[in-house]
């Protein structure tokens, strides 16, 4: 059985991404910690956040500089309400634990919104399935890799 990190690498390469993962010296459970270890702006960290909408998982890939406005995101997704998912719900939906969720490599694709604020960075860093690994990409490639829709998700 593949680890969460290997499932992310496999998903990346299957989609034409080099699949190069960067392992950090210590876990980065926050965007600020990841940005500090990578020497990049916190806004260039692409946080993969799982929410529950009508008992189904939804993924919002948000800039590390933003908080998700759940009411705005729910309207964009056409659902009544978004609730932050429990760690158990996240693990069931993604096969990855909170603190290291990647935007892909899940058992099944999730409806996904990608924060347009990430487009302001020439490169962005997204989780690779565990808290100590990330991969480099771009906003456009993140849209392609996730099949997500670009959206303003917060501020």
C-alpha atoms as a PDB file:
ATOM      1  CA  UNK A   1       0.000   0.000   0.000  1.00  0.00           C
ATOM      2  CA  UNK A   2       1.377   3.423  -0.991  1.00  0.00           C
ATOM      3  CA  UNK A   3       1.905   6.130   1.605  1.00  0.00           C
ATOM      4  CA  UNK A   4      -0.049   9.381   1.260  1.00  0.00           C
ATOM      5  CA  UNK A   5       3.097  11.069  -0.059  1.00  0.00           C
ATOM      6  CA  UNK A   6       3.640   8.374  -2.693  1.00  0.00           C
ATOM      7  CA  UNK A   7      -0.014   8.624  -3.782  1.00  0.00           C
ATOM      8  CA  UNK A   8       0.499  12.365  -4.306  1.00  0.00           C
ATOM      9  CA  UNK A   9       3.701  11.776  -6.294  1.00  0.00           C
ATOM     10  CA  UNK A  10       1.927   9.140  -8.412  1.00  0.00           C
ATOM     11  CA  UNK A  11      -1.033  11.477  -9.050  1.00  0.00           C
ATOM     12  CA  UNK A  12       1.298  14.332 -10.006  1.00  0.00           C
ATOM     13  CA  UNK A  13       3.319  12.295 -12.487  1.00  0.00           C
ATOM     14  CA  UNK A  14       0.171  10.770 -13.995  1.00  0.00           C
ATOM     15  CA  UNK A  15      -0.954  14.335 -14.736  1.00  0.00           C
ATOM     16  CA  UNK A  16       2.343  15.363 -16.351  1.00  0.00           C
ATOM     17  CA  UNK A  17       3.913  17.124 -13.351  1.00  0.00           C
ATOM     18  CA  UNK A  18       7.523  16.117 -12.549  1.00  0.00           C
ATOM     19  CA  UNK A  19       6.362  14.886  -9.131  1.00  0.00           C
ATOM     20  CA  UNK A  20       9.317  16.457  -7.349  1.00  0.00           C
ATOM     21  CA  UNK A  21       8.456  16.682  -3.659  1.00  0.00           C
ATOM     22  CA  UNK A  22      10.402  18.794  -1.202  1.00  0.00           C
ATOM     23  CA  UNK A  23      10.763  17.349   2.279  1.00  0.00           C
ATOM     24  CA  UNK A  24      11.149  19.999   4.958  1.00  0.00           C
ATOM     25  CA  UNK A  25      13.412  19.715   7.998  1.00  0.00           C
ATOM     26  CA  UNK A  26      10.371  19.809  10.292  1.00  0.00           C
ATOM     27  CA  UNK A  27       6.597  19.472   9.894  1.00  0.00           C
ATOM     28  CA  UNK A  28       4.855  22.579   8.556  1.00  0.00           C
ATOM     29  CA  UNK A  29       1.371  22.434  10.028  1.00  0.00           C
ATOM     30  CA  UNK A  30       0.733  26.104   9.203  1.00  0.00           C
ATOM     31  CA  UNK A  31       1.270  28.238   6.130  1.00  0.00           C
ATOM     32  CA  UNK A  32       3.575  30.502   8.116  1.00  0.00           C
ATOM     33  CA  UNK A  33       5.790  27.576   9.098  1.00  0.00           C
ATOM     34  CA  UNK A  34       5.935  26.284   5.514  1.00  0.00           C
ATOM     35  CA  UNK A  35       6.713  29.744   4.138  1.00  0.00           C
ATOM     36  CA  UNK A  36       9.485  30.259   6.668  1.00  0.00           C
ATOM     37  CA  UNK A  37      11.106  26.912   5.836  1.00  0.00           C
ATOM     38  CA  UNK A  38      10.803  27.512   2.078  1.00  0.00           C
ATOM     39  CA  UNK A  39      11.798  31.211   2.262  1.00  0.00           C
ATOM     40  CA  UNK A  40       8.727  32.254   0.299  1.00  0.00           C
ATOM     41  CA  UNK A  41       5.772  34.564   0.974  1.00  0.00           C
ATOM     42  CA  UNK A  42       3.030  33.052   3.120  1.00  0.00           C
ATOM     43  CA  UNK A  43       0.568  33.955   0.348  1.00  0.00           C
ATOM     44  CA  UNK A  44       2.350  31.502  -1.978  1.00  0.00           C
ATOM     45  CA  UNK A  45       1.429  28.563   0.248  1.00  0.00           C
ATOM     46  CA  UNK A  46      -1.603  26.729  -1.146  1.00  0.00           C
ATOM     47  CA  UNK A  47      -3.503  25.358   1.860  1.00  0.00           C
ATOM     48  CA  UNK A  48      -5.729  22.386   1.011  1.00  0.00           C
ATOM     49  CA  UNK A  49      -8.736  22.724   3.294  1.00  0.00           C
ATOM     50  CA  UNK A  50     -11.527  20.183   3.389  1.00  0.00           C
ATOM     51  CA  UNK A  51     -15.037  21.284   4.240  1.00  0.00           C
ATOM     52  CA  UNK A  52     -18.276  19.382   4.565  1.00  0.00           C
ATOM     53  CA  UNK A  53     -21.168  20.438   2.340  1.00  0.00           C
ATOM     54  CA  UNK A  54     -24.390  18.474   2.633  1.00  0.00           C
ATOM     55  CA  UNK A  55     -22.450  15.489   4.066  1.00  0.00           C
ATOM     56  CA  UNK A  56     -20.021  15.529   1.106  1.00  0.00           C
ATOM     57  CA  UNK A  57     -16.387  16.674   1.055  1.00  0.00           C
ATOM     58  CA  UNK A  58     -15.355  19.854  -0.727  1.00  0.00           C
ATOM     59  CA  UNK A  59     -11.783  21.038  -1.174  1.00  0.00           C
ATOM     60  CA  UNK A  60     -10.780  24.683  -1.060  1.00  0.00           C
ATOM     61  CA  UNK A  61      -7.173  25.443  -1.958  1.00  0.00           C
ATOM     62  CA  UNK A  62      -6.617  28.796  -0.272  1.00  0.00           C
ATOM     63  CA  UNK A  63      -3.678  31.155  -0.161  1.00  0.00           C
ATOM     64  CA  UNK A  64      -1.879  30.917   3.166  1.00  0.00           C
ATOM     65  CA  UNK A  65      -2.483  34.656   3.538  1.00  0.00           C
ATOM     66  CA  UNK A  66      -6.281  34.178   3.507  1.00  0.00           C
ATOM     67  CA  UNK A  67      -9.040  32.857   5.681  1.00  0.00           C
ATOM     68  CA  UNK A  68     -11.834  31.164   3.764  1.00  0.00           C
ATOM     69  CA  UNK A  69     -15.155  33.007   3.729  1.00  0.00           C
ATOM     70  CA  UNK A  70     -17.395  29.946   3.970  1.00  0.00           C
ATOM     71  CA  UNK A  71     -20.564  31.829   3.003  1.00  0.00           C
ATOM     72  CA  UNK A  72     -18.975  33.126  -0.215  1.00  0.00           C
ATOM     73  CA  UNK A  73     -17.467  29.724  -1.013  1.00  0.00           C
ATOM     74  CA  UNK A  74     -20.794  27.969  -0.357  1.00  0.00           C
ATOM     75  CA  UNK A  75     -22.559  30.311  -2.799  1.00  0.00           C
ATOM     76  CA  UNK A  76     -19.852  29.666  -5.409  1.00  0.00           C
ATOM     77  CA  UNK A  77     -20.303  25.903  -4.947  1.00  0.00           C
ATOM     78  CA  UNK A  78     -24.097  26.121  -4.949  1.00  0.00           C
ATOM     79  CA  UNK A  79     -24.517  24.603  -1.494  1.00  0.00           C
ATOM     80  CA  UNK A  80     -26.361  25.923   1.525  1.00  0.00           C
ATOM     81  CA  UNK A  81     -23.561  25.770   4.053  1.00  0.00           C
ATOM     82  CA  UNK A  82     -19.923  24.764   4.413  1.00  0.00           C
ATOM     83  CA  UNK A  83     -18.660  23.404   7.692  1.00  0.00           C
ATOM     84  CA  UNK A  84     -15.042  22.725   8.610  1.00  0.00           C
ATOM     85  CA  UNK A  85     -14.620  18.955   8.381  1.00  0.00           C
ATOM     86  CA  UNK A  86     -13.517  16.833  11.320  1.00  0.00           C
ATOM     87  CA  UNK A  87     -10.103  15.157  11.121  1.00  0.00           C
ATOM     88  CA  UNK A  88     -11.836  11.794  10.642  1.00  0.00           C
ATOM     89  CA  UNK A  89     -13.954  13.143   7.763  1.00  0.00           C
ATOM     90  CA  UNK A  90     -10.815  14.609   6.126  1.00  0.00           C
ATOM     91  CA  UNK A  91      -8.942  11.308   6.423  1.00  0.00           C
ATOM     92  CA  UNK A  92     -11.893   9.360   4.980  1.00  0.00           C
ATOM     93  CA  UNK A  93     -12.289  11.795   2.066  1.00  0.00           C
ATOM     94  CA  UNK A  94      -8.615  12.262   1.187  1.00  0.00           C
ATOM     95  CA  UNK A  95      -6.629   9.403   2.693  1.00  0.00           C
ATOM     96  CA  UNK A  96      -4.472  12.152   4.222  1.00  0.00           C
ATOM     97  CA  UNK A  97      -4.337  13.582   7.725  1.00  0.00           C
ATOM     98  CA  UNK A  98      -5.106  17.192   8.644  1.00  0.00           C
ATOM     99  CA  UNK A  99      -1.905  19.229   8.521  1.00  0.00           C
ATOM    100  CA  UNK A 100      -0.603  17.575   5.381  1.00  0.00           C
ATOM    101  CA  UNK A 101      -3.536  17.406   2.982  1.00  0.00           C
ATOM    102  CA  UNK A 102      -2.565  17.723  -0.667  1.00  0.00           C
ATOM    103  CA  UNK A 103      -4.830  19.117  -3.399  1.00  0.00           C
ATOM    104  CA  UNK A 104      -4.744  15.727  -5.170  1.00  0.00           C
ATOM    105  CA  UNK A 105      -3.935  12.074  -4.580  1.00  0.00           C
ATOM    106  CA  UNK A 106      -7.292  11.382  -2.946  1.00  0.00           C
ATOM    107  CA  UNK A 107      -9.312   8.170  -3.369  1.00  0.00           C
ATOM    108  CA  UNK A 108     -11.767  10.127  -5.565  1.00  0.00           C
ATOM    109  CA  UNK A 109     -11.685  13.667  -6.994  1.00  0.00           C
ATOM    110  CA  UNK A 110     -13.285  16.315  -4.792  1.00  0.00           C
ATOM    111  CA  UNK A 111     -15.211  19.392  -5.938  1.00  0.00           C
ATOM    112  CA  UNK A 112     -12.487  22.036  -5.694  1.00  0.00           C
ATOM    113  CA  UNK A 113     -12.152  25.806  -5.575  1.00  0.00           C
ATOM    114  CA  UNK A 114      -8.695  27.357  -6.014  1.00  0.00           C
ATOM    115  CA  UNK A 115      -8.106  30.789  -4.491  1.00  0.00           C
ATOM    116  CA  UNK A 116      -7.433  33.403  -7.179  1.00  0.00           C
ATOM    117  CA  UNK A 117      -5.035  35.125  -4.758  1.00  0.00           C
ATOM    118  CA  UNK A 118      -2.547  32.354  -5.571  1.00  0.00           C
ATOM    119  CA  UNK A 119      -2.369  33.691  -9.147  1.00  0.00           C
ATOM    120  CA  UNK A 120      -0.343  36.639  -7.870  1.00  0.00           C
ATOM    121  CA  UNK A 121       2.637  34.388  -7.173  1.00  0.00           C
ATOM    122  CA  UNK A 122       4.903  33.043  -9.934  1.00  0.00           C
ATOM    123  CA  UNK A 123       5.177  29.778  -8.013  1.00  0.00           C
ATOM    124  CA  UNK A 124       3.051  28.292  -5.284  1.00  0.00           C
ATOM    125  CA  UNK A 125       3.697  25.464  -2.855  1.00  0.00           C
ATOM    126  CA  UNK A 126       1.083  22.835  -2.065  1.00  0.00           C
ATOM    127  CA  UNK A 127       0.993  20.029   0.487  1.00  0.00           C
ATOM    128  CA  UNK A 128       2.179  16.594  -0.572  1.00  0.00           C
ATOM    129  CA  UNK A 129       0.100  14.373   1.723  1.00  0.00           C
ATOM    130  CA  UNK A 130       2.154  14.719   4.913  1.00  0.00           C
ATOM    131  CA  UNK A 131       3.027  17.737   7.108  1.00  0.00           C
ATOM    132  CA  UNK A 132       6.722  17.782   6.129  1.00  0.00           C
ATOM    133  CA  UNK A 133       6.453  17.670   2.313  1.00  0.00           C
ATOM    134  CA  UNK A 134       5.266  20.046  -0.406  1.00  0.00           C
ATOM    135  CA  UNK A 135       5.506  20.413  -4.151  1.00  0.00           C
ATOM    136  CA  UNK A 136       6.136  23.479  -6.294  1.00  0.00           C
ATOM    137  CA  UNK A 137       3.625  24.422  -8.974  1.00  0.00           C
ATOM    138  CA  UNK A 138       1.852  27.434 -10.457  1.00  0.00           C
ATOM    139  CA  UNK A 139      -1.679  28.714 -10.085  1.00  0.00           C
ATOM    140  CA  UNK A 140      -2.601  27.638 -13.620  1.00  0.00           C
ATOM    141  CA  UNK A 141      -1.100  24.208 -13.128  1.00  0.00           C
ATOM    142  CA  UNK A 142      -2.888  23.849  -9.791  1.00  0.00           C
ATOM    143  CA  UNK A 143      -6.188  24.463 -11.585  1.00  0.00           C
ATOM    144  CA  UNK A 144      -5.261  21.810 -14.142  1.00  0.00           C
ATOM    145  CA  UNK A 145      -4.020  19.286 -11.584  1.00  0.00           C
ATOM    146  CA  UNK A 146      -7.116  19.563  -9.384  1.00  0.00           C
ATOM    147  CA  UNK A 147      -9.758  20.178 -12.056  1.00  0.00           C
ATOM    148  CA  UNK A 148     -10.800  23.011  -9.749  1.00  0.00           C
ATOM    149  CA  UNK A 149     -12.458  26.305 -10.441  1.00  0.00           C
ATOM    150  CA  UNK A 150     -10.750  29.634  -9.810  1.00  0.00           C
ATOM    151  CA  UNK A 151     -12.593  31.630  -7.173  1.00  0.00           C
ATOM    152  CA  UNK A 152     -12.191  34.405  -4.658  1.00  0.00           C
ATOM    153  CA  UNK A 153     -12.505  32.454  -1.410  1.00  0.00           C
ATOM    154  CA  UNK A 154     -11.630  34.926   1.303  1.00  0.00           C
ATOM    155  CA  UNK A 155      -9.483  37.768   2.388  1.00  0.00           C
END
